[in-house]
Amino acid sequence: MSLVISDDLVRVSGLSEQELFLEIVLMLFRQDKISLGKASELVGMHRMQFQKLLADRGICIHYDVAEFQEDLNTLQETDWQ
């Protein structure tokens, strides 16, 4: 499914299309509608870059047990010491 945002909305927002998309993703993350991993994936940022963006904006990171387990699995797969 695609979402079409009118040119008028982009224009009146004063944001570029990419900036507006980022704001939408941030809103969905804040509302706990998407995970940290999905949000960072959608905006094309490494998870750590996205976490810094959240911190810079004063947005709390929702970090649950499932995400912790995902991080542990990633560390084990990459043979992190």
N, C-alpha and C. Protein backbone atom coordinates (compact mmCIF):
# COMPACT_ATOMS: atom_id res chain seq x y z
N MET A 1 0.84 -1.17 0.00
CA MET A 1 0.00 0.00 0.00
C MET A 1 0.88 1.23 0.00
N SER A 2 0.50 2.19 -0.76
CA SER A 2 1.23 3.45 -0.82
C SER A 2 0.36 4.55 -0.24
N LEU A 3 1.02 5.51 0.34
CA LEU A 3 0.33 6.67 0.90
C LEU A 3 0.72 7.88 0.07
N VAL A 4 -0.27 8.59 -0.41
CA VAL A 4 -0.01 9.79 -1.19
C VAL A 4 -0.25 11.00 -0.31
N ILE A 5 0.77 11.83 -0.20
CA ILE A 5 0.66 13.07 0.58
C ILE A 5 0.61 14.21 -0.43
N SER A 6 -0.38 15.02 -0.28
CA SER A 6 -0.57 16.09 -1.27
C SER A 6 0.59 17.08 -1.26
N ASP A 7 0.84 17.64 -2.42
CA ASP A 7 1.88 18.67 -2.54
C ASP A 7 1.57 19.85 -1.63
N ASP A 8 0.28 20.14 -1.47
CA ASP A 8 -0.11 21.25 -0.59
C ASP A 8 0.37 21.02 0.84
N LEU A 9 0.20 19.80 1.33
CA LEU A 9 0.63 19.49 2.69
C LEU A 9 2.14 19.60 2.82
N VAL A 10 2.86 19.11 1.84
CA VAL A 10 4.31 19.22 1.87
C VAL A 10 4.71 20.70 1.86
N ARG A 11 4.08 21.47 1.01
CA ARG A 11 4.42 22.89 0.89
C ARG A 11 4.12 23.65 2.19
N VAL A 12 2.92 23.48 2.74
CA VAL A 12 2.57 24.25 3.95
C VAL A 12 3.34 23.79 5.18
N SER A 13 3.82 22.55 5.15
CA SER A 13 4.60 22.07 6.30
C SER A 13 5.97 22.75 6.36
N GLY A 14 6.44 23.23 5.22
CA GLY A 14 7.76 23.83 5.17
C GLY A 14 8.88 22.79 5.20
N LEU A 15 8.51 21.53 5.06
CA LEU A 15 9.47 20.44 5.10
C LEU A 15 9.63 19.84 3.71
N SER A 16 10.76 19.21 3.48
CA SER A 16 10.93 18.44 2.25
C SER A 16 10.13 17.14 2.40
N GLU A 17 9.96 16.43 1.31
CA GLU A 17 9.25 15.14 1.38
C GLU A 17 9.96 14.20 2.34
N GLN A 18 11.28 14.18 2.28
CA GLN A 18 12.07 13.29 3.15
C GLN A 18 11.91 13.70 4.62
N GLU A 19 11.93 15.00 4.90
CA GLU A 19 11.77 15.47 6.28
C GLU A 19 10.37 15.15 6.81
N LEU A 20 9.37 15.30 5.96
CA LEU A 20 8.00 15.00 6.36
C LEU A 20 7.85 13.51 6.65
N PHE A 21 8.47 12.67 5.81
CA PHE A 21 8.43 11.23 6.04
C PHE A 21 9.09 10.89 7.38
N LEU A 22 10.22 11.52 7.67
CA LEU A 22 10.90 11.30 8.95
C LEU A 22 9.98 11.68 10.11
N GLU A 23 9.29 12.80 10.01
CA GLU A 23 8.38 13.23 11.07
C GLU A 23 7.25 12.22 11.27
N ILE A 24 6.76 11.65 10.19
CA ILE A 24 5.69 10.64 10.29
C ILE A 24 6.22 9.40 11.00
N VAL A 25 7.42 8.96 10.62
CA VAL A 25 8.01 7.78 11.26
C VAL A 25 8.25 8.04 12.74
N LEU A 26 8.75 9.23 13.08
CA LEU A 26 8.96 9.58 14.49
C LEU A 26 7.65 9.57 15.26
N MET A 27 6.60 10.09 14.66
CA MET A 27 5.29 10.10 15.32
C MET A 27 4.81 8.66 15.58
N LEU A 28 4.96 7.80 14.59
CA LEU A 28 4.54 6.41 14.76
C LEU A 28 5.37 5.72 15.83
N PHE A 29 6.67 6.02 15.88
CA PHE A 29 7.52 5.43 16.92
C PHE A 29 7.09 5.92 18.30
N ARG A 30 6.88 7.23 18.43
CA ARG A 30 6.48 7.78 19.74
C ARG A 30 5.17 7.17 20.22
N GLN A 31 4.28 6.87 19.29
CA GLN A 31 2.99 6.29 19.65
C GLN A 31 3.08 4.78 19.81
N ASP A 32 4.30 4.23 19.74
CA ASP A 32 4.55 2.80 19.90
C ASP A 32 3.83 1.97 18.85
N LYS A 33 3.71 2.52 17.65
CA LYS A 33 3.06 1.82 16.54
C LYS A 33 4.08 1.03 15.72
N ILE A 34 5.34 1.47 15.77
CA ILE A 34 6.42 0.75 15.09
C ILE A 34 7.62 0.66 16.03
N SER A 35 8.41 -0.36 15.82
CA SER A 35 9.56 -0.60 16.69
C SER A 35 10.73 0.29 16.30
N LEU A 36 11.71 0.32 17.16
CA LEU A 36 12.94 1.06 16.91
C LEU A 36 13.62 0.56 15.64
N GLY A 37 13.71 -0.76 15.51
CA GLY A 37 14.33 -1.35 14.32
C GLY A 37 13.60 -1.01 13.05
N LYS A 38 12.29 -1.09 13.07
CA LYS A 38 11.49 -0.79 11.88
C LYS A 38 11.59 0.69 11.54
N ALA A 39 11.55 1.55 12.56
CA ALA A 39 11.64 2.99 12.31
C ALA A 39 12.98 3.34 11.67
N SER A 40 14.06 2.81 12.22
CA SER A 40 15.38 3.11 11.66
C SER A 40 15.51 2.56 10.25
N GLU A 41 14.93 1.40 10.01
CA GLU A 41 14.94 0.81 8.67
C GLU A 41 14.17 1.69 7.68
N LEU A 42 13.01 2.16 8.08
CA LEU A 42 12.19 2.97 7.19
C LEU A 42 12.88 4.26 6.76
N VAL A 43 13.59 4.88 7.68
CA VAL A 43 14.26 6.15 7.35
C VAL A 43 15.67 5.94 6.80
N GLY A 44 16.10 4.67 6.72
CA GLY A 44 17.40 4.36 6.12
C GLY A 44 18.58 4.76 6.98
N MET A 45 18.41 4.66 8.31
CA MET A 45 19.49 4.97 9.23
C MET A 45 19.91 3.72 9.98
N HIS A 46 21.18 3.68 10.34
CA HIS A 46 21.63 2.63 11.26
C HIS A 46 20.89 2.86 12.57
N ARG A 47 20.62 1.80 13.28
CA ARG A 47 19.86 1.90 14.53
C ARG A 47 20.47 2.88 15.52
N MET A 48 21.79 2.88 15.61
CA MET A 48 22.46 3.79 16.55
C MET A 48 22.29 5.26 16.12
N GLN A 49 22.33 5.52 14.82
CA GLN A 49 22.10 6.88 14.32
C GLN A 49 20.68 7.32 14.67
N PHE A 50 19.73 6.40 14.50
CA PHE A 50 18.34 6.73 14.80
C PHE A 50 18.16 6.98 16.30
N GLN A 51 18.83 6.19 17.13
CA GLN A 51 18.75 6.40 18.57
C GLN A 51 19.32 7.76 18.95
N LYS A 52 20.40 8.19 18.29
CA LYS A 52 20.96 9.52 18.55
C LYS A 52 19.97 10.60 18.15
N LEU A 53 19.30 10.42 17.01
CA LEU A 53 18.28 11.37 16.58
C LEU A 53 17.18 11.48 17.63
N LEU A 54 16.74 10.33 18.14
CA LEU A 54 15.71 10.33 19.18
C LEU A 54 16.20 11.08 20.42
N ALA A 55 17.43 10.79 20.83
CA ALA A 55 17.98 11.45 22.02
C ALA A 55 18.09 12.96 21.79
N ASP A 56 18.53 13.36 20.61
CA ASP A 56 18.65 14.79 20.30
C ASP A 56 17.30 15.50 20.38
N ARG A 57 16.24 14.77 20.08
CA ARG A 57 14.89 15.35 20.12
C ARG A 57 14.18 15.11 21.45
N GLY A 58 14.85 14.44 22.38
CA GLY A 58 14.25 14.19 23.68
C GLY A 58 13.15 13.15 23.66
N ILE A 59 13.22 12.23 22.70
CA ILE A 59 12.21 11.18 22.56
C ILE A 59 12.72 9.93 23.26
N CYS A 60 11.92 9.40 24.16
CA CYS A 60 12.29 8.19 24.90
C CYS A 60 12.32 6.98 23.97
N ILE A 61 13.29 6.13 24.23
CA ILE A 61 13.41 4.91 23.43
C ILE A 61 12.57 3.82 24.09
N HIS A 62 11.68 3.23 23.32
CA HIS A 62 10.90 2.09 23.78
C HIS A 62 11.74 0.86 23.52
N TYR A 63 12.19 0.24 24.55
CA TYR A 63 13.08 -0.91 24.40
C TYR A 63 12.51 -2.03 25.24
N ASP A 64 11.89 -3.00 24.57
CA ASP A 64 11.25 -4.07 25.31
C ASP A 64 12.08 -5.35 25.25
N VAL A 65 11.57 -6.39 25.87
CA VAL A 65 12.30 -7.65 25.96
C VAL A 65 12.56 -8.23 24.57
N ALA A 66 11.60 -8.14 23.68
CA ALA A 66 11.77 -8.69 22.33
C ALA A 66 12.91 -7.98 21.60
N GLU A 67 12.99 -6.67 21.74
CA GLU A 67 14.07 -5.93 21.09
C GLU A 67 15.41 -6.25 21.73
N PHE A 68 15.43 -6.43 23.04
CA PHE A 68 16.65 -6.83 23.73
C PHE A 68 17.12 -8.18 23.21
N GLN A 69 16.20 -9.12 23.06
CA GLN A 69 16.55 -10.45 22.56
C GLN A 69 17.06 -10.36 21.13
N GLU A 70 16.44 -9.50 20.32
CA GLU A 70 16.89 -9.30 18.94
C GLU A 70 18.33 -8.77 18.93
N ASP A 71 18.62 -7.83 19.81
CA ASP A 71 19.99 -7.28 19.90
C ASP A 71 20.97 -8.36 20.34
N LEU A 72 20.59 -9.17 21.32
CA LEU A 72 21.46 -10.26 21.76
C LEU A 72 21.75 -11.22 20.63
N ASN A 73 20.72 -11.58 19.87
CA ASN A 73 20.90 -12.49 18.73
C ASN A 73 21.85 -11.89 17.70
N THR A 74 21.69 -10.61 17.43
CA THR A 74 22.57 -9.93 16.47
C THR A 74 24.01 -9.96 16.95
N LEU A 75 24.21 -9.68 18.24
CA LEU A 75 25.57 -9.71 18.79
C LEU A 75 26.17 -11.10 18.71
N GLN A 76 25.38 -12.13 18.98
CA GLN A 76 25.87 -13.50 18.91
C GLN A 76 26.20 -13.90 17.47
N GLU A 77 25.37 -13.47 16.53
CA GLU A 77 25.60 -13.80 15.12
C GLU A 77 26.84 -13.13 14.58
N THR A 78 27.16 -11.95 15.09
CA THR A 78 28.33 -11.21 14.61
C THR A 78 29.57 -11.53 15.43
N ASP A 79 29.43 -12.47 16.36
CA ASP A 79 30.55 -12.91 17.21
C ASP A 79 31.17 -11.74 17.96
N TRP A 80 30.31 -10.89 18.49
CA TRP A 80 30.76 -9.74 19.26
C TRP A 80 31.34 -10.19 20.58
N GLN A 81 32.44 -9.62 20.96
CA GLN A 81 33.11 -10.00 22.21
C GLN A 81 32.81 -9.02 23.29
